[in-house]
All heavy atoms as atom14 arrays in JSON, in Angstrom:
{
  "sequence": "HDSTGSRLSGRCTYEVTGQTPPARLWTLTVYDGDGQLMRNPIGRTEFA",
  "atom14_mask": [
    [1, 1, 1, 1, 1, 1, 1, 1, 1, 1, 0, 0, 0, 0],
    [1, 1, 1, 1, 1, 1, 1, 1, 0, 0, 0, 0, 0, 0],
    [1, 1, 1, 1, 1, 1, 0, 0, 0, 0, 0, 0, 0, 0],
    [1, 1, 1, 1, 1, 1, 1, 0, 0, 0, 0, 0, 0, 0],
    [1, 1, 1, 1, 0, 0, 0, 0, 0, 0, 0, 0, 0, 0],
    [1, 1, 1, 1, 1, 1, 0, 0, 0, 0, 0, 0, 0, 0],
    [1, 1, 1, 1, 1, 1, 1, 1, 1, 1, 1, 0, 0, 0],
    [1, 1, 1, 1, 1, 1, 1, 1, 0, 0, 0, 0, 0, 0],
    [1, 1, 1, 1, 1, 1, 0, 0, 0, 0, 0, 0, 0, 0],
    [1, 1, 1, 1, 0, 0, 0, 0, 0, 0, 0, 0, 0, 0],
    [1, 1, 1, 1, 1, 1, 1, 1, 1, 1, 1, 0, 0, 0],
    [1, 1, 1, 1, 1, 1, 0, 0, 0, 0, 0, 0, 0, 0],
    [1, 1, 1, 1, 1, 1, 1, 0, 0, 0, 0, 0, 0, 0],
    [1, 1, 1, 1, 1, 1, 1, 1, 1, 1, 1, 1, 0, 0],
    [1, 1, 1, 1, 1, 1, 1, 1, 1, 0, 0, 0, 0, 0],
    [1, 1, 1, 1, 1, 1, 1, 0, 0, 0, 0, 0, 0, 0],
    [1, 1, 1, 1, 1, 1, 1, 0, 0, 0, 0, 0, 0, 0],
    [1, 1, 1, 1, 0, 0, 0, 0, 0, 0, 0, 0, 0, 0],
    [1, 1, 1, 1, 1, 1, 1, 1, 1, 0, 0, 0, 0, 0],
    [1, 1, 1, 1, 1, 1, 1, 0, 0, 0, 0, 0, 0, 0],
    [1, 1, 1, 1, 1, 1, 1, 0, 0, 0, 0, 0, 0, 0],
    [1, 1, 1, 1, 1, 1, 1, 0, 0, 0, 0, 0, 0, 0],
    [1, 1, 1, 1, 1, 0, 0, 0, 0, 0, 0, 0, 0, 0],
    [1, 1, 1, 1, 1, 1, 1, 1, 1, 1, 1, 0, 0, 0],
    [1, 1, 1, 1, 1, 1, 1, 1, 0, 0, 0, 0, 0, 0],
    [1, 1, 1, 1, 1, 1, 1, 1, 1, 1, 1, 1, 1, 1],
    [1, 1, 1, 1, 1, 1, 1, 0, 0, 0, 0, 0, 0, 0],
    [1, 1, 1, 1, 1, 1, 1, 1, 0, 0, 0, 0, 0, 0],
    [1, 1, 1, 1, 1, 1, 1, 0, 0, 0, 0, 0, 0, 0],
    [1, 1, 1, 1, 1, 1, 1, 0, 0, 0, 0, 0, 0, 0],
    [1, 1, 1, 1, 1, 1, 1, 1, 1, 1, 1, 1, 0, 0],
    [1, 1, 1, 1, 1, 1, 1, 1, 0, 0, 0, 0, 0, 0],
    [1, 1, 1, 1, 0, 0, 0, 0, 0, 0, 0, 0, 0, 0],
    [1, 1, 1, 1, 1, 1, 1, 1, 0, 0, 0, 0, 0, 0],
    [1, 1, 1, 1, 0, 0, 0, 0, 0, 0, 0, 0, 0, 0],
    [1, 1, 1, 1, 1, 1, 1, 1, 1, 0, 0, 0, 0, 0],
    [1, 1, 1, 1, 1, 1, 1, 1, 0, 0, 0, 0, 0, 0],
    [1, 1, 1, 1, 1, 1, 1, 1, 0, 0, 0, 0, 0, 0],
    [1, 1, 1, 1, 1, 1, 1, 1, 1, 1, 1, 0, 0, 0],
    [1, 1, 1, 1, 1, 1, 1, 1, 0, 0, 0, 0, 0, 0],
    [1, 1, 1, 1, 1, 1, 1, 0, 0, 0, 0, 0, 0, 0],
    [1, 1, 1, 1, 1, 1, 1, 1, 0, 0, 0, 0, 0, 0],
    [1, 1, 1, 1, 0, 0, 0, 0, 0, 0, 0, 0, 0, 0],
    [1, 1, 1, 1, 1, 1, 1, 1, 1, 1, 1, 0, 0, 0],
    [1, 1, 1, 1, 1, 1, 1, 0, 0, 0, 0, 0, 0, 0],
    [1, 1, 1, 1, 1, 1, 1, 1, 1, 0, 0, 0, 0, 0],
    [1, 1, 1, 1, 1, 1, 1, 1, 1, 1, 1, 0, 0, 0],
    [1, 1, 1, 1, 1, 0, 0, 0, 0, 0, 0, 0, 0, 0]
  ],
  "atom14_positions": [
    [[10.19, -98.31, 28.63], [11.56, -98.79, 28.42], [11.5, -99.72, 27.17], [10.47, -100.27, 26.86], [12.01, -99.6, 29.6], [12.28, -98.77, 30.79], [11.26, -98.33, 31.63], [13.42, -98.24, 31.31], [11.81, -97.58, 32.57], [13.09, -97.51, 32.42], [0.0, 0.0, 0.0], [0.0, 0.0, 0.0], [0.0, 0.0, 0.0], [0.0, 0.0, 0.0]],
    [[12.62, -99.85, 26.5], [12.68, -100.71, 25.34], [12.93, -102.18, 25.85], [12.97, -102.45, 27.02], [13.7, -100.28, 24.31], [15.18, -100.29, 24.84], [15.44, -101.01, 25.84], [15.99, -99.61, 24.26], [0.0, 0.0, 0.0], [0.0, 0.0, 0.0], [0.0, 0.0, 0.0], [0.0, 0.0, 0.0], [0.0, 0.0, 0.0], [0.0, 0.0, 0.0]],
    [[13.08, -103.1, 24.87], [13.23, -104.48, 25.21], [14.54, -104.81, 25.94], [14.68, -105.87, 26.53], [13.13, -105.37, 23.98], [11.79, -105.31, 23.49], [0.0, 0.0, 0.0], [0.0, 0.0, 0.0], [0.0, 0.0, 0.0], [0.0, 0.0, 0.0], [0.0, 0.0, 0.0], [0.0, 0.0, 0.0], [0.0, 0.0, 0.0], [0.0, 0.0, 0.0]],
    [[15.51, -103.9, 25.88], [16.77, -104.08, 26.62], [16.73, -103.41, 28.01], [17.7, -103.53, 28.76], [17.96, -103.53, 25.85], [17.84, -102.11, 25.72], [18.06, -104.22, 24.45], [0.0, 0.0, 0.0], [0.0, 0.0, 0.0], [0.0, 0.0, 0.0], [0.0, 0.0, 0.0], [0.0, 0.0, 0.0], [0.0, 0.0, 0.0], [0.0, 0.0, 0.0]],
    [[15.66, -102.69, 28.29], [15.52, -102.07, 29.61], [15.93, -100.63, 29.65], [15.91, -99.96, 30.68], [0.0, 0.0, 0.0], [0.0, 0.0, 0.0], [0.0, 0.0, 0.0], [0.0, 0.0, 0.0], [0.0, 0.0, 0.0], [0.0, 0.0, 0.0], [0.0, 0.0, 0.0], [0.0, 0.0, 0.0], [0.0, 0.0, 0.0], [0.0, 0.0, 0.0]],
    [[16.34, -100.03, 28.5], [16.7, -98.62, 28.42], [15.49, -97.73, 28.27], [14.51, -98.08, 27.64], [17.62, -98.37, 27.21], [18.81, -99.11, 27.34], [0.0, 0.0, 0.0], [0.0, 0.0, 0.0], [0.0, 0.0, 0.0], [0.0, 0.0, 0.0], [0.0, 0.0, 0.0], [0.0, 0.0, 0.0], [0.0, 0.0, 0.0], [0.0, 0.0, 0.0]],
    [[15.49, -96.59, 28.95], [14.38, -95.65, 28.92], [14.1, -95.18, 27.47], [15.06, -94.89, 26.71], [14.73, -94.45, 29.79], [13.67, -93.39, 29.82], [12.79, -93.58, 31.07], [11.91, -92.47, 31.23], [10.56, -92.56, 30.99], [10.05, -93.68, 30.6], [9.8, -91.56, 31.19], [0.0, 0.0, 0.0], [0.0, 0.0, 0.0], [0.0, 0.0, 0.0]],
    [[12.87, -95.11, 27.08], [12.48, -94.62, 25.74], [12.71, -93.14, 25.67], [12.27, -92.38, 26.49], [11.02, -94.95, 25.43], [10.65, -96.44, 25.35], [9.14, -96.58, 25.14], [11.42, -97.11, 24.25], [0.0, 0.0, 0.0], [0.0, 0.0, 0.0], [0.0, 0.0, 0.0], [0.0, 0.0, 0.0], [0.0, 0.0, 0.0], [0.0, 0.0, 0.0]],
    [[13.42, -92.68, 24.63], [13.78, -91.24, 24.43], [13.46, -90.85, 23.04], [13.65, -91.6, 22.07], [15.25, -91.1, 24.73], [15.69, -89.83, 24.3], [0.0, 0.0, 0.0], [0.0, 0.0, 0.0], [0.0, 0.0, 0.0], [0.0, 0.0, 0.0], [0.0, 0.0, 0.0], [0.0, 0.0, 0.0], [0.0, 0.0, 0.0], [0.0, 0.0, 0.0]],
    [[12.97, -89.61, 22.87], [12.69, -89.05, 21.55], [13.97, -88.84, 20.72], [13.89, -88.6, 19.51], [0.0, 0.0, 0.0], [0.0, 0.0, 0.0], [0.0, 0.0, 0.0], [0.0, 0.0, 0.0], [0.0, 0.0, 0.0], [0.0, 0.0, 0.0], [0.0, 0.0, 0.0], [0.0, 0.0, 0.0], [0.0, 0.0, 0.0], [0.0, 0.0, 0.0]],
    [[15.13, -88.95, 21.32], [16.39, -88.78, 20.59], [16.76, -90.05, 19.81], [17.68, -90.03, 19.01], [17.53, -88.43, 21.56], [17.29, -87.12, 22.25], [18.51, -86.73, 23.05], [18.26, -85.51, 23.8], [18.31, -84.28, 23.31], [18.56, -84.11, 22.05], [18.08, -83.24, 24.12], [0.0, 0.0, 0.0], [0.0, 0.0, 0.0], [0.0, 0.0, 0.0]],
    [[16.06, -91.14, 20.05], [16.38, -92.42, 19.41], [15.22, -92.81, 18.48], [14.07, -92.36, 18.61], [16.53, -93.52, 20.44], [17.91, -93.17, 21.59], [0.0, 0.0, 0.0], [0.0, 0.0, 0.0], [0.0, 0.0, 0.0], [0.0, 0.0, 0.0], [0.0, 0.0, 0.0], [0.0, 0.0, 0.0], [0.0, 0.0, 0.0], [0.0, 0.0, 0.0]],
    [[15.56, -93.71, 17.55], [14.58, -94.34, 16.68], [14.28, -95.73, 17.27], [15.21, -96.46, 17.66], [15.14, -94.46, 15.27], [15.37, -93.12, 14.75], [14.2, -95.18, 14.33], [0.0, 0.0, 0.0], [0.0, 0.0, 0.0], [0.0, 0.0, 0.0], [0.0, 0.0, 0.0], [0.0, 0.0, 0.0], [0.0, 0.0, 0.0], [0.0, 0.0, 0.0]],
    [[13.01, -96.11, 17.29], [12.6, -97.41, 17.81], [11.75, -98.09, 16.77], [11.04, -97.46, 16.03], [11.79, -97.24, 19.13], [12.57, -96.66, 20.24], [12.57, -95.28, 20.44], [13.36, -97.46, 21.06], [13.29, -94.7, 21.48], [14.13, -96.91, 22.09], [14.07, -95.54, 22.3], [14.81, -94.98, 23.3], [0.0, 0.0, 0.0], [0.0, 0.0, 0.0]],
    [[11.8, -99.4, 16.81], [10.94, -100.21, 16.0], [10.14, -101.14, 16.88], [10.72, -101.94, 17.65], [11.75, -101.03, 14.95], [10.85, -101.52, 13.84], [11.69, -102.06, 12.66], [12.15, -103.2, 12.74], [11.84, -101.28, 11.72], [0.0, 0.0, 0.0], [0.0, 0.0, 0.0], [0.0, 0.0, 0.0], [0.0, 0.0, 0.0], [0.0, 0.0, 0.0]],
    [[8.81, -101.03, 16.82], [7.96, -101.9, 17.53], [7.55, -103.04, 16.59], [6.87, -102.73, 15.61], [6.7, -101.15, 18.11], [5.78, -102.09, 18.86], [7.12, -99.98, 18.92], [0.0, 0.0, 0.0], [0.0, 0.0, 0.0], [0.0, 0.0, 0.0], [0.0, 0.0, 0.0], [0.0, 0.0, 0.0], [0.0, 0.0, 0.0], [0.0, 0.0, 0.0]],
    [[8.02, -104.25, 16.84], [7.82, -105.31, 15.86], [7.22, -106.55, 16.52], [7.41, -106.81, 17.7], [9.14, -105.73, 15.25], [10.02, -106.2, 16.28], [9.83, -104.6, 14.49], [0.0, 0.0, 0.0], [0.0, 0.0, 0.0], [0.0, 0.0, 0.0], [0.0, 0.0, 0.0], [0.0, 0.0, 0.0], [0.0, 0.0, 0.0], [0.0, 0.0, 0.0]],
    [[6.51, -107.32, 15.66], [5.97, -108.58, 16.13], [4.5, -108.68, 15.81], [4.02, -108.12, 14.83], [0.0, 0.0, 0.0], [0.0, 0.0, 0.0], [0.0, 0.0, 0.0], [0.0, 0.0, 0.0], [0.0, 0.0, 0.0], [0.0, 0.0, 0.0], [0.0, 0.0, 0.0], [0.0, 0.0, 0.0], [0.0, 0.0, 0.0], [0.0, 0.0, 0.0]],
    [[3.81, -109.38, 16.69], [2.37, -109.53, 16.59], [1.76, -109.25, 17.96], [2.47, -109.24, 18.96], [2.04, -110.93, 16.13], [2.5, -111.23, 14.74], [2.02, -112.6, 14.24], [1.42, -113.37, 14.96], [2.23, -112.84, 12.97], [0.0, 0.0, 0.0], [0.0, 0.0, 0.0], [0.0, 0.0, 0.0], [0.0, 0.0, 0.0], [0.0, 0.0, 0.0]],
    [[0.46, -109.03, 17.97], [-0.23, -108.84, 19.24], [-1.02, -110.11, 19.55], [-1.33, -110.88, 18.64], [-1.18, -107.64, 19.15], [-2.15, -107.91, 18.17], [-0.43, -106.36, 18.83], [0.0, 0.0, 0.0], [0.0, 0.0, 0.0], [0.0, 0.0, 0.0], [0.0, 0.0, 0.0], [0.0, 0.0, 0.0], [0.0, 0.0, 0.0], [0.0, 0.0, 0.0]],
    [[-1.41, -110.26, 20.81], [-2.31, -111.36, 21.13], [-3.66, -111.14, 20.4], [-3.93, -110.03, 19.94], [-2.49, -111.22, 22.65], [-1.29, -110.47, 23.1], [-0.95, -109.56, 21.98], [0.0, 0.0, 0.0], [0.0, 0.0, 0.0], [0.0, 0.0, 0.0], [0.0, 0.0, 0.0], [0.0, 0.0, 0.0], [0.0, 0.0, 0.0], [0.0, 0.0, 0.0]],
    [[-4.48, -112.14, 20.29], [-5.75, -111.97, 19.63], [-6.59, -110.88, 20.24], [-6.73, -110.75, 21.48], [-6.45, -113.34, 19.84], [-5.4, -114.26, 20.34], [-4.32, -113.49, 20.89], [0.0, 0.0, 0.0], [0.0, 0.0, 0.0], [0.0, 0.0, 0.0], [0.0, 0.0, 0.0], [0.0, 0.0, 0.0], [0.0, 0.0, 0.0], [0.0, 0.0, 0.0]],
    [[-7.15, -110.0, 19.39], [-8.05, -108.93, 19.8], [-8.81, -108.48, 18.6], [-8.35, -108.54, 17.5], [-7.2, -107.76, 20.35], [0.0, 0.0, 0.0], [0.0, 0.0, 0.0], [0.0, 0.0, 0.0], [0.0, 0.0, 0.0], [0.0, 0.0, 0.0], [0.0, 0.0, 0.0], [0.0, 0.0, 0.0], [0.0, 0.0, 0.0], [0.0, 0.0, 0.0]],
    [[-10.05, -108.02, 18.83], [-10.84, -107.48, 17.77], [-10.2, -106.26, 17.16], [-10.22, -106.05, 15.94], [-12.26, -107.17, 18.23], [-13.16, -106.75, 17.1], [-14.56, -106.46, 17.63], [-15.13, -107.55, 18.35], [-15.89, -108.49, 17.86], [-16.17, -108.49, 16.55], [-16.38, -109.49, 18.61], [0.0, 0.0, 0.0], [0.0, 0.0, 0.0], [0.0, 0.0, 0.0]],
    [[-9.6, -105.43, 18.01], [-8.98, -104.18, 17.59], [-7.88, -103.89, 18.58], [-8.03, -104.16, 19.77], [-9.98, -103.03, 17.56], [-9.45, -101.62, 17.34], [-9.08, -101.42, 15.86], [-10.51, -100.59, 17.75], [0.0, 0.0, 0.0], [0.0, 0.0, 0.0], [0.0, 0.0, 0.0], [0.0, 0.0, 0.0], [0.0, 0.0, 0.0], [0.0, 0.0, 0.0]],
    [[-6.77, -103.28, 18.11], [-5.76, -102.76, 19.02], [-5.25, -101.45, 18.53], [-5.36, -101.14, 17.33], [-4.6, -103.77, 19.21], [-3.83, -104.16, 17.99], [-3.98, -105.32, 17.28], [-2.78, -103.45, 17.38], [-3.11, -105.34, 16.22], [-2.35, -104.21, 16.27], [-2.15, -102.26, 17.6], [-1.33, -103.79, 15.41], [-1.13, -101.82, 16.77], [-0.74, -102.59, 15.69]],
    [[-4.74, -100.63, 19.47], [-4.15, -99.38, 19.1], [-2.8, -99.27, 19.84], [-2.6, -99.81, 20.95], [-5.03, -98.18, 19.56], [-5.21, -98.22, 20.94], [-6.34, -98.2, 18.83], [0.0, 0.0, 0.0], [0.0, 0.0, 0.0], [0.0, 0.0, 0.0], [0.0, 0.0, 0.0], [0.0, 0.0, 0.0], [0.0, 0.0, 0.0], [0.0, 0.0, 0.0]],
    [[-1.83, -98.59, 19.21], [-0.58, -98.27, 19.78], [-0.47, -96.73, 19.8], [-0.44, -96.13, 18.72], [0.58, -98.85, 19.01], [1.96, -98.51, 19.58], [2.22, -99.21, 20.9], [3.06, -98.89, 18.58], [0.0, 0.0, 0.0], [0.0, 0.0, 0.0], [0.0, 0.0, 0.0], [0.0, 0.0, 0.0], [0.0, 0.0, 0.0], [0.0, 0.0, 0.0]],
    [[-0.41, -96.15, 20.97], [-0.4, -94.71, 21.14], [0.9, -94.26, 21.78], [1.35, -94.92, 22.73], [-1.57, -94.23, 21.99], [-2.79, -94.81, 21.5], [-1.71, -92.71, 22.01], [0.0, 0.0, 0.0], [0.0, 0.0, 0.0], [0.0, 0.0, 0.0], [0.0, 0.0, 0.0], [0.0, 0.0, 0.0], [0.0, 0.0, 0.0], [0.0, 0.0, 0.0]],
    [[1.48, -93.17, 21.31], [2.72, -92.65, 21.92], [2.39, -91.36, 22.69], [1.67, -90.51, 22.26], [3.8, -92.34, 20.84], [3.37, -91.31, 19.87], [5.13, -91.98, 21.43], [0.0, 0.0, 0.0], [0.0, 0.0, 0.0], [0.0, 0.0, 0.0], [0.0, 0.0, 0.0], [0.0, 0.0, 0.0], [0.0, 0.0, 0.0], [0.0, 0.0, 0.0]],
    [[2.91, -91.37, 23.96], [2.75, -90.24, 24.86], [4.09, -89.71, 25.24], [5.11, -90.38, 25.11], [2.02, -90.7, 26.16], [0.59, -91.16, 25.93], [0.27, -92.5, 25.65], [-0.48, -90.24, 26.04], [-1.02, -92.89, 25.49], [-1.79, -90.64, 25.87], [-2.05, -92.0, 25.58], [-3.34, -92.4, 25.4], [0.0, 0.0, 0.0], [0.0, 0.0, 0.0]],
    [[4.11, -88.49, 25.81], [5.4, -88.0, 26.33], [5.59, -88.6, 27.73], [4.7, -89.28, 28.25], [5.46, -86.49, 26.32], [4.42, -85.81, 27.2], [3.88, -86.43, 28.08], [4.2, -84.6, 26.99], [0.0, 0.0, 0.0], [0.0, 0.0, 0.0], [0.0, 0.0, 0.0], [0.0, 0.0, 0.0], [0.0, 0.0, 0.0], [0.0, 0.0, 0.0]],
    [[6.68, -88.27, 28.34], [6.98, -88.83, 29.67], [6.01, -88.46, 30.76], [5.93, -89.12, 31.78], [0.0, 0.0, 0.0], [0.0, 0.0, 0.0], [0.0, 0.0, 0.0], [0.0, 0.0, 0.0], [0.0, 0.0, 0.0], [0.0, 0.0, 0.0], [0.0, 0.0, 0.0], [0.0, 0.0, 0.0], [0.0, 0.0, 0.0], [0.0, 0.0, 0.0]],
    [[5.26, -87.36, 30.55], [4.27, -86.91, 31.53], [2.92, -87.54, 31.29], [1.93, -87.17, 31.98], [4.17, -85.39, 31.49], [5.45, -84.72, 31.91], [6.15, -85.25, 32.79], [5.77, -83.63, 31.35], [0.0, 0.0, 0.0], [0.0, 0.0, 0.0], [0.0, 0.0, 0.0], [0.0, 0.0, 0.0], [0.0, 0.0, 0.0], [0.0, 0.0, 0.0]],
    [[2.77, -88.38, 30.31], [1.49, -89.0, 30.02], [0.57, -88.18, 29.13], [-0.6, -88.53, 28.99], [0.0, 0.0, 0.0], [0.0, 0.0, 0.0], [0.0, 0.0, 0.0], [0.0, 0.0, 0.0], [0.0, 0.0, 0.0], [0.0, 0.0, 0.0], [0.0, 0.0, 0.0], [0.0, 0.0, 0.0], [0.0, 0.0, 0.0], [0.0, 0.0, 0.0]],
    [[1.09, -87.15, 28.47], [0.3, -86.35, 27.55], [0.53, -86.83, 26.13], [1.63, -87.35, 25.79], [0.72, -84.87, 27.64], [0.57, -84.27, 29.02], [-0.88, -84.32, 29.51], [-1.79, -83.97, 28.78], [-1.06, -84.72, 30.73], [0.0, 0.0, 0.0], [0.0, 0.0, 0.0], [0.0, 0.0, 0.0], [0.0, 0.0, 0.0], [0.0, 0.0, 0.0]],
    [[-0.44, -86.72, 25.25], [-0.28, -87.16, 23.86], [0.92, -86.44, 23.28], [1.13, -85.24, 23.51], [-1.51, -86.86, 23.04], [-2.71, -87.76, 23.25], [-3.92, -87.28, 22.52], [-2.36, -89.21, 22.82], [0.0, 0.0, 0.0], [0.0, 0.0, 0.0], [0.0, 0.0, 0.0], [0.0, 0.0, 0.0], [0.0, 0.0, 0.0], [0.0, 0.0, 0.0]],
    [[1.72, -87.16, 22.48], [2.93, -86.63, 21.87], [2.55, -85.58, 20.85], [1.81, -85.79, 19.92], [3.72, -87.74, 21.22], [5.0, -87.32, 20.53], [6.26, -86.71, 21.61], [6.56, -88.03, 22.74], [0.0, 0.0, 0.0], [0.0, 0.0, 0.0], [0.0, 0.0, 0.0], [0.0, 0.0, 0.0], [0.0, 0.0, 0.0], [0.0, 0.0, 0.0]],
    [[3.09, -84.38, 21.01], [2.85, -83.33, 20.05], [3.83, -83.49, 18.91], [5.01, -83.75, 19.1], [3.07, -81.95, 20.71], [2.03, -81.66, 21.75], [2.23, -80.34, 22.39], [1.37, -80.23, 23.51], [0.71, -79.16, 23.87], [0.84, -78.06, 23.12], [-0.07, -79.16, 24.87], [0.0, 0.0, 0.0], [0.0, 0.0, 0.0], [0.0, 0.0, 0.0]],
    [[3.31, -83.34, 17.69], [4.17, -83.41, 16.48], [3.48, -82.64, 15.37], [2.27, -82.4, 15.41], [4.44, -84.89, 16.11], [3.18, -85.66, 15.87], [2.5, -85.41, 14.88], [2.87, -86.64, 16.73], [0.0, 0.0, 0.0], [0.0, 0.0, 0.0], [0.0, 0.0, 0.0], [0.0, 0.0, 0.0], [0.0, 0.0, 0.0], [0.0, 0.0, 0.0]],
    [[4.24, -82.28, 14.35], [3.71, -81.46, 13.27], [2.56, -82.06, 12.5], [1.68, -81.31, 12.01], [4.89, -81.19, 12.36], [6.09, -81.67, 13.06], [5.66, -82.57, 14.18], [0.0, 0.0, 0.0], [0.0, 0.0, 0.0], [0.0, 0.0, 0.0], [0.0, 0.0, 0.0], [0.0, 0.0, 0.0], [0.0, 0.0, 0.0], [0.0, 0.0, 0.0]],
    [[2.52, -83.33, 12.35], [1.42, -83.94, 11.58], [0.24, -84.37, 12.43], [-0.76, -84.79, 11.89], [1.92, -85.14, 10.69], [2.4, -86.3, 11.57], [3.03, -84.69, 9.77], [2.62, -87.56, 10.79], [0.0, 0.0, 0.0], [0.0, 0.0, 0.0], [0.0, 0.0, 0.0], [0.0, 0.0, 0.0], [0.0, 0.0, 0.0], [0.0, 0.0, 0.0]],
    [[0.38, -84.28, 13.75], [-0.77, -84.59, 14.61], [-1.09, -86.07, 14.75], [-2.18, -86.4, 15.17], [0.0, 0.0, 0.0], [0.0, 0.0, 0.0], [0.0, 0.0, 0.0], [0.0, 0.0, 0.0], [0.0, 0.0, 0.0], [0.0, 0.0, 0.0], [0.0, 0.0, 0.0], [0.0, 0.0, 0.0], [0.0, 0.0, 0.0], [0.0, 0.0, 0.0]],
    [[-0.19, -86.91, 14.38], [-0.44, -88.38, 14.45], [0.14, -88.89, 15.74], [1.34, -88.76, 15.99], [0.15, -89.09, 13.27], [-0.1, -90.6, 13.39], [0.19, -91.3, 12.07], [-0.44, -92.57, 12.14], [-1.54, -92.9, 11.49], [-2.08, -92.06, 10.65], [-2.1, -94.11, 11.61], [0.0, 0.0, 0.0], [0.0, 0.0, 0.0], [0.0, 0.0, 0.0]],
    [[-0.68, -89.53, 16.59], [-0.17, -90.07, 17.85], [-0.4, -91.57, 18.03], [0.0, -92.15, 19.0], [-0.91, -89.35, 19.03], [-2.3, -89.52, 18.92], [-0.52, -87.88, 19.04], [0.0, 0.0, 0.0], [0.0, 0.0, 0.0], [0.0, 0.0, 0.0], [0.0, 0.0, 0.0], [0.0, 0.0, 0.0], [0.0, 0.0, 0.0], [0.0, 0.0, 0.0]],
    [[-1.06, -92.19, 17.04], [-1.33, -93.64, 17.21], [-1.51, -94.34, 15.87], [-1.74, -93.71, 14.84], [-2.6, -93.84, 18.07], [-3.9, -93.55, 17.35], [-5.08, -93.96, 18.2], [-4.94, -94.22, 19.41], [-6.18, -94.01, 17.65], [0.0, 0.0, 0.0], [0.0, 0.0, 0.0], [0.0, 0.0, 0.0], [0.0, 0.0, 0.0], [0.0, 0.0, 0.0]],
    [[-1.41, -95.64, 15.94], [-1.81, -96.55, 14.84], [-2.82, -97.51, 15.41], [-2.75, -97.92, 16.57], [-0.6, -97.36, 14.34], [0.09, -96.75, 13.21], [1.37, -96.2, 13.38], [-0.45, -96.63, 11.95], [2.08, -95.61, 12.36], [0.2, -96.04, 10.89], [1.45, -95.53, 11.08], [0.0, 0.0, 0.0], [0.0, 0.0, 0.0], [0.0, 0.0, 0.0]],
    [[-3.74, -97.91, 14.54], [-4.72, -98.93, 14.91], [-4.47, -100.17, 14.03], [-3.92, -100.06, 12.95], [-6.17, -98.43, 14.68], [0.0, 0.0, 0.0], [0.0, 0.0, 0.0], [0.0, 0.0, 0.0], [0.0, 0.0, 0.0], [0.0, 0.0, 0.0], [0.0, 0.0, 0.0], [0.0, 0.0, 0.0], [0.0, 0.0, 0.0], [0.0, 0.0, 0.0]]
  ]
}
């Protein structure tokens, strides 16, 4: 869900903004609603 409580949908554009708590490394990965890696033409599913 987004910060307002609405379900995340591929029909919308979202911006994940801010900072993370201290960590040596972090990753943000996008999955589909079934928990499978998001399929897309460029094959990118995460940022580190």
